[in-house]
Amino acid sequence: MSNNVALVKVQRDIDEAVQRSIRLIGGMNIKKETKVIIKPNICNPKNPHGMVITDFKIIESVINIIKEKNCDLIVVESDNIDNTADNRAKNSGLLKLLNELNVSFFNLSKDECKTYNVAGLELNLPKTMLEAEYVINLAKIKTCAHTLVTLSIKNLFGCFKEAKKSKYHKKLDEVLPFLAKTLRSDLNIVDGISCMEGNGPTVGNPKHLGIIVSGYNPVSVDSFCSKLMGFDPTRIKHISNCFNLGIGSLEFKALGDPWEPISCNFEKPFSLKATLKSVSTIKDVYLK
């Protein structure tokens, strides 16, 4: 699988940036009438500063591209400890957008599943994901308390049935590589417009990069994005474990706009600075 990764600055139009990023890596490589699944990051219904969930304009752009290819299309999420996927989709405004675009939403937690034993834990993977013909993974650039970064690979954590996902947190360095090896992730488009640093993945602090990142391989994409954030991907266990399993390369060929001037140091989770700054975000996410 190609390790090409494209970075495009969003100048005026998000749709234009998304399309250019896909063209740079070689296009979608998708046949007409393929059954396509889009997995955005809708971990919470609230989106202060645009930093929590995948930008809807990116979702809309990808949907319109798929429609041009006459493909069947659904957008998916699963339940989490805070709420059902259906309620998060509704309260975030995603369902309204999908209804306007005549696209179906499916809650993976309601699907038939196949059970796997991973790191001593039962993991129920929906048949919709296991039988998918093409998956577009729409992640977001954020820090994460449990994995340091949450990007393409971590976005797959929202693809299995269980709502109470916290019991897997101590085993994420094994669970996430298993998901990356078992589930398709044919095209990874990462929302780097309004990002999150600090106490992610929901109550961190905004950091604006104004970029779109695209690539075929989630390991190369996440390695690239980690470096953009000022982190060494070889020291991020779930990413390096994916490489060790042969899922993808930690190396990448960067295309598009220069990435070095954009790279910066994201504040790590639970630093004193990050925690003090997160107070207002906690209010925006949980109290309003």
C-alpha atoms as a PDB file:
ATOM      1  CA  MET A   1       0.000   0.000   0.000  1.00  0.00           C
ATOM      2  CA  SER A   2       1.289   3.467  -0.914  1.00  0.00           C
ATOM      3  CA  ASN A   3       2.768   5.599   1.854  1.00  0.00           C
ATOM      4  CA  ASN A   4       1.970   8.828  -0.009  1.00  0.00           C
ATOM      5  CA  VAL A   5       0.490  11.457   2.314  1.00  0.00           C
ATOM      6  CA  ALA A   6      -0.849  14.774   1.017  1.00  0.00           C
ATOM      7  CA  LEU A   7      -1.171  17.967   3.025  1.00  0.00           C
ATOM      8  CA  VAL A   8      -3.267  20.780   1.618  1.00  0.00           C
ATOM      9  CA  LYS A   9      -3.828  24.164   3.212  1.00  0.00           C
ATOM     10  CA  VAL A  10      -7.446  25.275   3.292  1.00  0.00           C
ATOM     11  CA  GLN A  11      -7.264  28.621   1.544  1.00  0.00           C
ATOM     12  CA  ARG A  12     -10.876  29.549   0.783  1.00  0.00           C
ATOM     13  CA  ASP A  13     -12.873  26.408   0.189  1.00  0.00           C
ATOM     14  CA  ILE A  14     -12.786  23.160   2.222  1.00  0.00           C
ATOM     15  CA  ASP A  15     -14.261  21.132  -0.637  1.00  0.00           C
ATOM     16  CA  GLU A  16     -11.511  22.301  -2.957  1.00  0.00           C
ATOM     17  CA  ALA A  17      -8.857  21.326  -0.385  1.00  0.00           C
ATOM     18  CA  VAL A  18     -10.373  17.867   0.160  1.00  0.00           C
ATOM     19  CA  GLN A  19     -10.521  17.162  -3.571  1.00  0.00           C
ATOM     20  CA  ARG A  20      -6.963  18.366  -4.154  1.00  0.00           C
ATOM     21  CA  SER A  21      -5.628  16.207  -1.318  1.00  0.00           C
ATOM     22  CA  ILE A  22      -7.279  13.124  -2.834  1.00  0.00           C
ATOM     23  CA  ARG A  23      -5.973  13.917  -6.320  1.00  0.00           C
ATOM     24  CA  LEU A  24      -2.431  14.325  -4.994  1.00  0.00           C
ATOM     25  CA  ILE A  25      -2.279  10.789  -3.581  1.00  0.00           C
ATOM     26  CA  GLY A  26      -3.716   9.291  -6.774  1.00  0.00           C
ATOM     27  CA  GLY A  27      -7.483   9.502  -6.397  1.00  0.00           C
ATOM     28  CA  MET A  28     -10.020   7.309  -4.632  1.00  0.00           C
ATOM     29  CA  ASN A  29      -9.391   4.212  -6.773  1.00  0.00           C
ATOM     30  CA  ILE A  30     -12.994   3.161  -6.352  1.00  0.00           C
ATOM     31  CA  LYS A  31     -15.220   1.343  -8.829  1.00  0.00           C
ATOM     32  CA  LYS A  32     -18.746   2.463  -9.630  1.00  0.00           C
ATOM     33  CA  GLU A  33     -21.552   0.935  -7.559  1.00  0.00           C
ATOM     34  CA  THR A  34     -19.187  -0.044  -4.747  1.00  0.00           C
ATOM     35  CA  LYS A  35     -20.699  -0.153  -1.262  1.00  0.00           C
ATOM     36  CA  VAL A  36     -18.941   2.648   0.607  1.00  0.00           C
ATOM     37  CA  ILE A  37     -18.822   3.290   4.346  1.00  0.00           C
ATOM     38  CA  ILE A  38     -17.847   6.677   5.763  1.00  0.00           C
ATOM     39  CA  LYS A  39     -16.664   6.705   9.388  1.00  0.00           C
ATOM     40  CA  PRO A  40     -16.315  10.246  10.776  1.00  0.00           C
ATOM     41  CA  ASN A  41     -15.370  11.119  14.341  1.00  0.00           C
ATOM     42  CA  ILE A  42     -18.645  12.009  16.082  1.00  0.00           C
ATOM     43  CA  CYS A  43     -17.546  11.233  19.636  1.00  0.00           C
ATOM     44  CA  ASN A  44     -19.691  14.002  21.142  1.00  0.00           C
ATOM     45  CA  PRO A  45     -22.707  16.052  20.012  1.00  0.00           C
ATOM     46  CA  LYS A  46     -21.024  19.320  20.998  1.00  0.00           C
ATOM     47  CA  ASN A  47     -18.193  20.842  19.029  1.00  0.00           C
ATOM     48  CA  PRO A  48     -16.750  23.950  20.738  1.00  0.00           C
ATOM     49  CA  HIS A  49     -14.270  25.825  18.528  1.00  0.00           C
ATOM     50  CA  GLY A  50     -14.855  23.146  15.865  1.00  0.00           C
ATOM     51  CA  MET A  51     -12.193  21.000  17.546  1.00  0.00           C
ATOM     52  CA  VAL A  52     -14.095  17.920  18.787  1.00  0.00           C
ATOM     53  CA  ILE A  53     -15.727  16.227  15.785  1.00  0.00           C
ATOM     54  CA  THR A  54     -15.046  15.946  12.061  1.00  0.00           C
ATOM     55  CA  ASP A  55     -15.947  19.129  10.182  1.00  0.00           C
ATOM     56  CA  PHE A  56     -19.287  18.624   8.420  1.00  0.00           C
ATOM     57  CA  LYS A  57     -18.004  20.360   5.297  1.00  0.00           C
ATOM     58  CA  ILE A  58     -15.416  17.581   4.926  1.00  0.00           C
ATOM     59  CA  ILE A  59     -18.126  14.947   5.361  1.00  0.00           C
ATOM     60  CA  GLU A  60     -20.308  16.689   2.778  1.00  0.00           C
ATOM     61  CA  SER A  61     -17.432  17.007   0.328  1.00  0.00           C
ATOM     62  CA  VAL A  62     -16.617  13.300   0.516  1.00  0.00           C
ATOM     63  CA  ILE A  63     -20.300  12.341   0.174  1.00  0.00           C
ATOM     64  CA  ASN A  64     -20.637  14.432  -2.985  1.00  0.00           C
ATOM     65  CA  ILE A  65     -17.553  12.794  -4.517  1.00  0.00           C
ATOM     66  CA  ILE A  66     -18.943   9.323  -3.776  1.00  0.00           C
ATOM     67  CA  LYS A  67     -22.343  10.220  -5.220  1.00  0.00           C
ATOM     68  CA  GLU A  68     -20.704  11.128  -8.511  1.00  0.00           C
ATOM     69  CA  LYS A  69     -19.458   7.545  -8.722  1.00  0.00           C
ATOM     70  CA  ASN A  70     -22.976   6.078  -8.255  1.00  0.00           C
ATOM     71  CA  CYS A  71     -21.923   4.133  -5.184  1.00  0.00           C
ATOM     72  CA  ASP A  72     -24.095   2.920  -2.312  1.00  0.00           C
ATOM     73  CA  LEU A  73     -23.209   4.915   0.764  1.00  0.00           C
ATOM     74  CA  ILE A  74     -23.792   4.901   4.519  1.00  0.00           C
ATOM     75  CA  VAL A  75     -22.284   6.944   7.340  1.00  0.00           C
ATOM     76  CA  VAL A  76     -21.585   5.010  10.547  1.00  0.00           C
ATOM     77  CA  GLU A  77     -20.780   5.442  14.230  1.00  0.00           C
ATOM     78  CA  SER A  78     -21.244   3.294  17.349  1.00  0.00           C
ATOM     79  CA  ASP A  79     -22.578   3.942  20.842  1.00  0.00           C
ATOM     80  CA  ASN A  80     -20.247   5.233  23.533  1.00  0.00           C
ATOM     81  CA  ILE A  81     -20.480   5.736  27.286  1.00  0.00           C
ATOM     82  CA  ASP A  82     -21.929   9.235  26.904  1.00  0.00           C
ATOM     83  CA  ASN A  83     -24.767   8.445  24.511  1.00  0.00           C
ATOM     84  CA  THR A  84     -26.022   6.373  21.617  1.00  0.00           C
ATOM     85  CA  ALA A  85     -24.630   6.976  18.165  1.00  0.00           C
ATOM     86  CA  ASP A  86     -28.123   7.916  16.999  1.00  0.00           C
ATOM     87  CA  ASN A  87     -28.478  10.659  19.624  1.00  0.00           C
ATOM     88  CA  ARG A  88     -24.995  12.018  18.965  1.00  0.00           C
ATOM     89  CA  ALA A  89     -25.698  12.115  15.231  1.00  0.00           C
ATOM     90  CA  LYS A  90     -29.013  13.885  15.819  1.00  0.00           C
ATOM     91  CA  ASN A  91     -27.870  16.389  18.438  1.00  0.00           C
ATOM     92  CA  SER A  92     -24.666  17.291  16.604  1.00  0.00           C
ATOM     93  CA  GLY A  93     -26.622  18.154  13.457  1.00  0.00           C
ATOM     94  CA  LEU A  94     -25.115  15.309  11.433  1.00  0.00           C
ATOM     95  CA  LEU A  95     -28.473  13.637  10.816  1.00  0.00           C
ATOM     96  CA  LYS A  96     -29.902  16.898   9.495  1.00  0.00           C
ATOM     97  CA  LEU A  97     -27.028  17.158   7.024  1.00  0.00           C
ATOM     98  CA  LEU A  98     -27.358  13.513   5.944  1.00  0.00           C
ATOM     99  CA  ASN A  99     -31.113  13.886   5.440  1.00  0.00           C
ATOM    100  CA  GLU A 100     -30.499  16.915   3.233  1.00  0.00           C
ATOM    101  CA  LEU A 101     -27.988  14.884   1.210  1.00  0.00           C
ATOM    102  CA  ASN A 102     -30.267  11.808   1.132  1.00  0.00           C
ATOM    103  CA  VAL A 103     -27.665   9.612   2.834  1.00  0.00           C
ATOM    104  CA  SER A 104     -28.373   6.935   5.450  1.00  0.00           C
ATOM    105  CA  PHE A 105     -26.868   6.796   8.929  1.00  0.00           C
ATOM    106  CA  PHE A 106     -26.285   3.448  10.631  1.00  0.00           C
ATOM    107  CA  ASN A 107     -25.544   2.731  14.295  1.00  0.00           C
ATOM    108  CA  LEU A 108     -22.948  -0.050  14.320  1.00  0.00           C
ATOM    109  CA  SER A 109     -23.951  -1.030  17.857  1.00  0.00           C
ATOM    110  CA  LYS A 110     -27.235  -2.366  16.424  1.00  0.00           C
ATOM    111  CA  ASP A 111     -25.510  -4.637  13.903  1.00  0.00           C
ATOM    112  CA  GLU A 112     -24.896  -8.388  13.954  1.00  0.00           C
ATOM    113  CA  CYS A 113     -21.365  -8.995  15.153  1.00  0.00           C
ATOM    114  CA  LYS A 114     -18.498 -11.439  15.092  1.00  0.00           C
ATOM    115  CA  THR A 115     -16.696 -11.893  18.417  1.00  0.00           C
ATOM    116  CA  TYR A 116     -12.914 -11.819  18.750  1.00  0.00           C
ATOM    117  CA  ASN A 117     -10.672 -12.253  21.767  1.00  0.00           C
ATOM    118  CA  VAL A 118      -8.110  -9.464  21.851  1.00  0.00           C
ATOM    119  CA  ALA A 119      -5.664  -8.940  24.711  1.00  0.00           C
ATOM    120  CA  GLY A 120      -7.893 -11.060  26.960  1.00  0.00           C
ATOM    121  CA  LEU A 121     -11.003  -9.039  26.143  1.00  0.00           C
ATOM    122  CA  GLU A 122     -14.037  -9.783  23.995  1.00  0.00           C
ATOM    123  CA  LEU A 123     -14.402  -7.474  21.037  1.00  0.00           C
ATOM    124  CA  ASN A 124     -17.569  -7.530  18.931  1.00  0.00           C
ATOM    125  CA  LEU A 125     -17.019  -6.278  15.396  1.00  0.00           C
ATOM    126  CA  PRO A 126     -20.080  -5.381  13.302  1.00  0.00           C
ATOM    127  CA  LYS A 127     -20.595  -7.351  10.094  1.00  0.00           C
ATOM    128  CA  THR A 128     -21.146  -4.069   8.268  1.00  0.00           C
ATOM    129  CA  MET A 129     -17.489  -3.202   8.871  1.00  0.00           C
ATOM    130  CA  LEU A 130     -16.148  -6.730   8.351  1.00  0.00           C
ATOM    131  CA  GLU A 131     -17.938  -7.083   5.006  1.00  0.00           C
ATOM    132  CA  ALA A 132     -17.259  -3.538   3.784  1.00  0.00           C
ATOM    133  CA  GLU A 133     -16.034  -3.093   0.228  1.00  0.00           C
ATOM    134  CA  TYR A 134     -14.531   0.367   0.752  1.00  0.00           C
ATOM    135  CA  VAL A 135     -14.120   2.437   3.931  1.00  0.00           C
ATOM    136  CA  ILE A 136     -13.355   6.136   4.135  1.00  0.00           C
ATOM    137  CA  ASN A 137     -11.959   7.042   7.531  1.00  0.00           C
ATOM    138  CA  LEU A 138     -12.578  10.716   8.411  1.00  0.00           C
ATOM    139  CA  ALA A 139     -10.509  11.330  11.526  1.00  0.00           C
ATOM    140  CA  LYS A 140      -9.514  14.530  13.300  1.00  0.00           C
ATOM    141  CA  ILE A 141      -6.165  15.803  14.592  1.00  0.00           C
ATOM    142  CA  LYS A 142      -6.378  15.676  18.388  1.00  0.00           C
ATOM    143  CA  THR A 143      -4.370  14.676  21.417  1.00  0.00           C
ATOM    144  CA  CYS A 144      -5.760  11.864  23.551  1.00  0.00           C
ATOM    145  CA  ALA A 145      -5.365  10.998  27.223  1.00  0.00           C
ATOM    146  CA  HIS A 146      -5.033   7.273  26.487  1.00  0.00           C
ATOM    147  CA  THR A 147      -2.982   7.168  23.284  1.00  0.00           C
ATOM    148  CA  LEU A 148      -1.322  10.625  23.112  1.00  0.00           C
ATOM    149  CA  VAL A 149      -2.825  11.175  19.655  1.00  0.00           C
ATOM    150  CA  THR A 150      -6.176  10.279  18.135  1.00  0.00           C
ATOM    151  CA  LEU A 151      -5.973  10.107  14.359  1.00  0.00           C
ATOM    152  CA  SER A 152      -6.943   7.531  11.700  1.00  0.00           C
ATOM    153  CA  ILE A 153      -6.112   4.388  13.678  1.00  0.00           C
ATOM    154  CA  LYS A 154      -7.807   5.594  16.876  1.00  0.00           C
ATOM    155  CA  ASN A 155     -10.906   6.594  14.873  1.00  0.00           C
ATOM    156  CA  LEU A 156     -11.460   2.877  14.237  1.00  0.00           C
ATOM    157  CA  PHE A 157     -12.137   2.567  17.986  1.00  0.00           C
ATOM    158  CA  GLY A 158     -15.613   3.874  17.163  1.00  0.00           C
ATOM    159  CA  CYS A 159     -16.304   0.880  14.909  1.00  0.00           C
ATOM    160  CA  PHE A 160     -17.128  -1.870  17.384  1.00  0.00           C
ATOM    161  CA  LYS A 161     -20.336  -2.630  19.225  1.00  0.00           C
ATOM    162  CA  GLU A 162     -19.716  -2.013  22.922  1.00  0.00           C
ATOM    163  CA  ALA A 163     -20.837   1.314  24.323  1.00  0.00           C
ATOM    164  CA  LYS A 164     -18.696   1.008  27.447  1.00  0.00           C
ATOM    165  CA  LYS A 165     -15.361   1.233  25.704  1.00  0.00           C
ATOM    166  CA  SER A 166     -13.425   2.354  28.793  1.00  0.00           C
ATOM    167  CA  LYS A 167     -12.618  -1.260  29.714  1.00  0.00           C
ATOM    168  CA  TYR A 168     -10.422  -1.406  26.590  1.00  0.00           C
ATOM    169  CA  HIS A 169      -8.409   1.710  27.428  1.00  0.00           C
ATOM    170  CA  LYS A 170      -5.603  -0.145  29.214  1.00  0.00           C
ATOM    171  CA  LYS A 171      -5.220  -2.468  26.215  1.00  0.00           C
ATOM    172  CA  LEU A 172      -5.386   0.090  23.413  1.00  0.00           C
ATOM    173  CA  ASP A 173      -1.826  -0.590  22.270  1.00  0.00           C
ATOM    174  CA  GLU A 174      -3.026  -4.092  21.339  1.00  0.00           C
ATOM    175  CA  VAL A 175      -6.678  -3.406  20.490  1.00  0.00           C
ATOM    176  CA  LEU A 176      -6.021  -0.578  18.034  1.00  0.00           C
ATOM    177  CA  PRO A 177      -3.477  -2.511  15.909  1.00  0.00           C
ATOM    178  CA  PHE A 178      -5.957  -5.423  15.813  1.00  0.00           C
ATOM    179  CA  LEU A 179      -8.666  -3.078  14.528  1.00  0.00           C
ATOM    180  CA  ALA A 180      -6.296  -1.567  11.970  1.00  0.00           C
ATOM    181  CA  LYS A 181      -5.367  -5.043  10.723  1.00  0.00           C
ATOM    182  CA  THR A 182      -8.931  -6.415  10.701  1.00  0.00           C
ATOM    183  CA  LEU A 183     -10.995  -3.494   9.411  1.00  0.00           C
ATOM    184  CA  ARG A 184     -10.652  -1.747   6.071  1.00  0.00           C
ATOM    185  CA  SER A 185      -9.409   1.823   5.967  1.00  0.00           C
ATOM    186  CA  ASP A 186      -9.029   2.405   2.239  1.00  0.00           C
ATOM    187  CA  LEU A 187      -8.874   6.188   2.296  1.00  0.00           C
ATOM    188  CA  ASN A 188      -7.938   8.272   5.330  1.00  0.00           C
ATOM    189  CA  ILE A 189      -8.791  11.958   5.333  1.00  0.00           C
ATOM    190  CA  VAL A 190      -7.803  13.798   8.502  1.00  0.00           C
ATOM    191  CA  ASP A 191      -9.453  17.033   9.555  1.00  0.00           C
ATOM    192  CA  GLY A 192      -6.649  19.366  10.584  1.00  0.00           C
ATOM    193  CA  ILE A 193      -8.635  22.582  10.282  1.00  0.00           C
ATOM    194  CA  SER A 194      -9.494  23.211  13.932  1.00  0.00           C
ATOM    195  CA  CYS A 195      -7.483  20.719  15.977  1.00  0.00           C
ATOM    196  CA  MET A 196      -7.285  19.854  19.679  1.00  0.00           C
ATOM    197  CA  GLU A 197      -4.328  19.800  22.053  1.00  0.00           C
ATOM    198  CA  GLY A 198      -4.129  19.108  25.766  1.00  0.00           C
ATOM    199  CA  ASN A 199      -6.761  17.000  27.502  1.00  0.00           C
ATOM    200  CA  GLY A 200      -8.292  15.348  24.447  1.00  0.00           C
ATOM    201  CA  PRO A 201     -10.226  13.764  22.926  1.00  0.00           C
ATOM    202  CA  THR A 202     -13.159  15.931  24.102  1.00  0.00           C
ATOM    203  CA  VAL A 203     -12.106  18.612  26.608  1.00  0.00           C
ATOM    204  CA  GLY A 204      -8.795  19.824  25.247  1.00  0.00           C
ATOM    205  CA  ASN A 205      -7.960  23.218  23.831  1.00  0.00           C
ATOM    206  CA  PRO A 206      -8.254  24.529  20.261  1.00  0.00           C
ATOM    207  CA  LYS A 207      -5.258  24.705  17.936  1.00  0.00           C
ATOM    208  CA  HIS A 208      -5.806  25.942  14.403  1.00  0.00           C
ATOM    209  CA  LEU A 209      -3.727  24.429  11.594  1.00  0.00           C
ATOM    210  CA  GLY A 210      -6.114  24.978   8.680  1.00  0.00           C
ATOM    211  CA  ILE A 211      -5.130  21.846   6.761  1.00  0.00           C
ATOM    212  CA  ILE A 212      -6.473  18.618   5.232  1.00  0.00           C
ATOM    213  CA  VAL A 213      -4.310  15.465   5.271  1.00  0.00           C
ATOM    214  CA  SER A 214      -5.069  12.457   3.044  1.00  0.00           C
ATOM    215  CA  GLY A 215      -3.466   9.067   2.470  1.00  0.00           C
ATOM    216  CA  TYR A 216      -4.241   5.436   1.768  1.00  0.00           C
ATOM    217  CA  ASN A 217      -2.397   3.851   4.663  1.00  0.00           C
ATOM    218  CA  PRO A 218      -3.487   4.805   8.196  1.00  0.00           C
ATOM    219  CA  VAL A 219      -0.057   4.049   9.674  1.00  0.00           C
ATOM    220  CA  SER A 220       1.770   6.416   7.319  1.00  0.00           C
ATOM    221  CA  VAL A 221      -0.963   9.047   7.721  1.00  0.00           C
ATOM    222  CA  ASP A 222      -0.809   8.870  11.510  1.00  0.00           C
ATOM    223  CA  SER A 223       2.987   8.874  11.507  1.00  0.00           C
ATOM    224  CA  PHE A 224       2.919  12.035   9.398  1.00  0.00           C
ATOM    225  CA  CYS A 225       0.270  13.741  11.543  1.00  0.00           C
ATOM    226  CA  SER A 226       2.117  12.828  14.750  1.00  0.00           C
ATOM    227  CA  LYS A 227       5.230  14.560  13.446  1.00  0.00           C
ATOM    228  CA  LEU A 228       3.113  17.586  12.541  1.00  0.00           C
ATOM    229  CA  MET A 229       2.019  17.654  16.185  1.00  0.00           C
ATOM    230  CA  GLY A 230       5.594  17.501  17.455  1.00  0.00           C
ATOM    231  CA  PHE A 231       5.529  13.818  18.498  1.00  0.00           C
ATOM    232  CA  ASP A 232       7.781  10.920  17.497  1.00  0.00           C
ATOM    233  CA  PRO A 233       5.527   8.187  16.011  1.00  0.00           C
ATOM    234  CA  THR A 234       8.056   5.472  16.869  1.00  0.00           C
ATOM    235  CA  ARG A 235       7.376   6.243  20.545  1.00  0.00           C
ATOM    236  CA  ILE A 236       3.579   6.106  20.198  1.00  0.00           C
ATOM    237  CA  LYS A 237       2.949   2.475  21.012  1.00  0.00           C
ATOM    238  CA  HIS A 238      -0.240   1.770  19.031  1.00  0.00           C
ATOM    239  CA  ILE A 239       1.281   3.294  15.875  1.00  0.00           C
ATOM    240  CA  SER A 240       4.619   1.483  16.206  1.00  0.00           C
ATOM    241  CA  ASN A 241       2.767  -1.792  16.967  1.00  0.00           C
ATOM    242  CA  CYS A 242       0.828  -1.385  13.705  1.00  0.00           C
ATOM    243  CA  PHE A 243       4.147  -1.081  11.901  1.00  0.00           C
ATOM    244  CA  ASN A 244       5.484  -4.178  13.698  1.00  0.00           C
ATOM    245  CA  LEU A 245       2.418  -6.130  12.517  1.00  0.00           C
ATOM    246  CA  GLY A 246       3.140  -5.132   8.913  1.00  0.00           C
ATOM    247  CA  ILE A 247       0.031  -2.963   8.562  1.00  0.00           C
ATOM    248  CA  GLY A 248       1.934  -0.001   7.181  1.00  0.00           C
ATOM    249  CA  SER A 249       5.090   2.060   7.206  1.00  0.00           C
ATOM    250  CA  LEU A 250       6.165   4.737   9.676  1.00  0.00           C
ATOM    251  CA  GLU A 251       7.780   6.420   6.694  1.00  0.00           C
ATOM    252  CA  PHE A 252       5.839   8.634   4.316  1.00  0.00           C
ATOM    253  CA  LYS A 253       6.227  10.539   1.095  1.00  0.00           C
ATOM    254  CA  ALA A 254       4.841  14.015   1.737  1.00  0.00           C
ATOM    255  CA  LEU A 255       2.999  15.650  -1.151  1.00  0.00           C
ATOM    256  CA  GLY A 256       1.196  18.955  -1.557  1.00  0.00           C
ATOM    257  CA  ASP A 257       1.961  22.036   0.502  1.00  0.00           C
ATOM    258  CA  PRO A 258       5.164  22.146   2.603  1.00  0.00           C
ATOM    259  CA  TRP A 259       4.513  20.578   5.996  1.00  0.00           C
ATOM    260  CA  GLU A 260       7.592  21.660   7.956  1.00  0.00           C
ATOM    261  CA  PRO A 261       6.428  25.300   8.437  1.00  0.00           C
ATOM    262  CA  ILE A 262       3.095  23.999   9.776  1.00  0.00           C
ATOM    263  CA  SER A 263       4.569  21.533  12.267  1.00  0.00           C
ATOM    264  CA  CYS A 264       4.409  22.635  15.894  1.00  0.00           C
ATOM    265  CA  ASN A 265       4.363  21.238  19.414  1.00  0.00           C
ATOM    266  CA  PHE A 266       0.938  20.229  20.678  1.00  0.00           C
ATOM    267  CA  GLU A 267       0.420  20.425  24.430  1.00  0.00           C
ATOM    268  CA  LYS A 268       0.355  16.914  25.929  1.00  0.00           C
ATOM    269  CA  PRO A 269      -2.640  15.653  27.922  1.00  0.00           C
ATOM    270  CA  PHE A 270      -2.757  16.404  31.637  1.00  0.00           C
ATOM    271  CA  SER A 271       0.052  18.917  31.768  1.00  0.00           C
ATOM    272  CA  LEU A 272      -0.661  21.721  34.241  1.00  0.00           C
ATOM    273  CA  LYS A 273      -1.041  24.206  31.393  1.00  0.00           C
ATOM    274  CA  ALA A 274      -3.441  21.945  29.470  1.00  0.00           C
ATOM    275  CA  THR A 275      -5.550  21.245  32.547  1.00  0.00           C
ATOM    276  CA  LEU A 276      -5.920  24.901  33.504  1.00  0.00           C
ATOM    277  CA  LYS A 277      -6.855  25.862  29.958  1.00  0.00           C
ATOM    278  CA  SER A 278      -9.418  23.050  29.663  1.00  0.00           C
ATOM    279  CA  VAL A 279     -11.788  24.470  32.305  1.00  0.00           C
ATOM    280  CA  SER A 280     -13.756  26.523  29.792  1.00  0.00           C
ATOM    281  CA  THR A 281     -13.980  23.584  27.387  1.00  0.00           C
ATOM    282  CA  ILE A 282     -15.417  21.336  30.118  1.00  0.00           C
ATOM    283  CA  LYS A 283     -18.182  23.902  30.553  1.00  0.00           C
ATOM    284  CA  ASP A 284     -18.817  24.061  26.798  1.00  0.00           C
ATOM    285  CA  VAL A 285     -18.977  20.276  26.388  1.00  0.00           C
ATOM    286  CA  TYR A 286     -20.737  19.126  29.540  1.00  0.00           C
ATOM    287  CA  LEU A 287     -22.502  22.035  31.234  1.00  0.00           C
ATOM    288  CA  LYS A 288     -24.119  24.110  28.496  1.00  0.00           C
END
